């Protein structure tokens, strides 16, 4: 289980605020996380660019029927409904003029094949 945290609400329209780039790869929980990010305004107000994918195939971390809300009122019956929900949510972003977020569904995981080690932390000496 991964601890989560809510993105802060945007307090101003200051263009000098940092841009947030997000990789969403939550292995089947997209149908619970993405609507929350969308309805709270985090996607359109806080995220500048999103990369990720929707896992809607049965057996690909998903088991249908799938509750997408805690109260069980919204259920995806099958892969076809999962694919439609993903398309509908992305379409909503595309047609919303006030949404600054852009996205790519090209989930590049080539970093697994990178032969280079990650950089080591720099050691800073305070001696002069």
Foldseek 3Di string as FASTA:
>chain_A
DDDDDDDDDDDDPDPPDDAAEEEDEPFALCLQPVVVCVVVCVQQGHHQEYEYAHDLADVRSDHPQDQNDPVSPDTDHHSVSSVVVVVVSVVVLVPDPSRNYDYDHPDDPCVVVDPDDDDDDDDDDPDD
